[in-house]
Amino acid sequence: MRSGFSPTASSKYDWIGPPDRLSNLRPIIYHIPENETPLERKLRHLRQETEDWNHEFWTNQNFSFTKV
C-alpha cells in the first residue's frame, strides 16, 4: 500500500485517500465483501492492477516532466 491511511475493519465502502505526492492520483482501498464471489474478486484484483499501473505511469511521467 502506498499510503498510510486505512479504513476500519467494519467499513463497507471503498476508501479514497489524498492525492499521492508523486503521481497526483488518489489511492483507493477497495472494500472486500464478506461473501465475495470469485468473479467479484477477479474484478477487484484487475481494478487494483490498473490503479497500480496508472500510479507507476503517472509517477514516471510527472518525474520526466519536471526534469525537463
Protein backbone atom coordinates (compact mmCIF):
# COMPACT_ATOMS: atom_id res chain seq x y z
CA MET A 1 0.00 0.00 0.00
CA ARG A 2 1.43 3.39 -0.98
CA SER A 3 -0.41 5.45 1.59
CA GLY A 4 -0.61 5.35 5.36
CA PHE A 5 -4.40 5.66 5.55
CA SER A 6 -6.62 2.64 6.12
CA PRO A 7 -10.31 2.02 6.72
CA THR A 8 -11.64 0.40 9.85
CA ALA A 9 -12.30 -3.32 9.68
CA SER A 10 -16.08 -2.69 9.85
CA SER A 11 -16.05 -0.36 6.80
CA LYS A 12 -18.38 -1.42 3.99
CA TYR A 13 -17.17 1.09 1.39
CA ASP A 14 -14.15 1.76 -0.78
CA TRP A 15 -11.83 4.35 0.73
CA ILE A 16 -10.23 7.03 -1.42
CA GLY A 17 -7.17 8.68 0.04
CA PRO A 18 -5.46 12.01 -0.50
CA PRO A 19 -3.52 12.58 -3.75
CA ASP A 20 -0.16 10.86 -3.91
CA ARG A 21 2.68 13.40 -3.94
CA LEU A 22 4.39 11.77 -6.95
CA SER A 23 1.56 10.58 -9.22
CA ASN A 24 -1.16 13.03 -8.06
CA LEU A 25 -3.60 10.09 -8.14
CA ARG A 26 -5.80 9.30 -5.18
CA PRO A 27 -5.13 5.77 -3.88
CA ILE A 28 -8.16 3.52 -3.40
CA ILE A 29 -8.54 0.80 -0.81
CA TYR A 30 -11.25 -1.48 -2.11
CA HIS A 31 -13.84 -2.92 0.23
CA ILE A 32 -13.81 -6.71 0.28
CA PRO A 33 -17.35 -8.01 0.81
CA GLU A 34 -17.79 -10.86 3.26
CA ASN A 35 -19.33 -13.11 0.59
CA GLU A 36 -17.16 -12.01 -2.32
CA THR A 37 -17.63 -14.24 -5.37
CA PRO A 38 -14.69 -15.37 -7.50
CA LEU A 39 -15.82 -13.01 -10.26
CA GLU A 40 -16.02 -10.05 -7.85
CA ARG A 41 -12.55 -10.94 -6.54
CA LYS A 42 -11.19 -11.04 -10.09
CA LEU A 43 -12.70 -7.62 -10.85
CA ARG A 44 -11.26 -6.14 -7.64
CA HIS A 45 -7.80 -7.51 -8.48
CA LEU A 46 -7.98 -6.15 -12.04
CA ARG A 47 -9.03 -2.73 -10.73
CA GLN A 48 -6.11 -2.75 -8.28
CA GLU A 49 -3.65 -3.81 -11.00
CA THR A 50 -4.91 -0.98 -13.21
CA GLU A 51 -4.58 1.51 -10.36
CA ASP A 52 -1.02 0.32 -9.66
CA TRP A 53 -0.10 0.64 -13.35
CA ASN A 54 -1.58 4.15 -13.52
CA HIS A 55 0.31 5.18 -10.39
CA GLU A 56 3.62 3.99 -11.84
CA PHE A 57 2.92 5.56 -15.24
CA TRP A 58 1.98 8.98 -13.84
CA THR A 59 4.82 8.96 -11.35
CA ASN A 60 7.26 8.43 -14.24
CA GLN A 61 5.51 11.00 -16.44
CA ASN A 62 5.47 13.65 -13.73
CA PHE A 63 9.12 12.97 -12.88
CA SER A 64 10.11 13.25 -16.57
CA PHE A 65 8.12 16.44 -16.98
CA THR A 66 9.73 18.18 -14.01
CA LYS A 67 13.19 17.07 -15.17
CA VAL A 68 12.92 18.97 -18.46
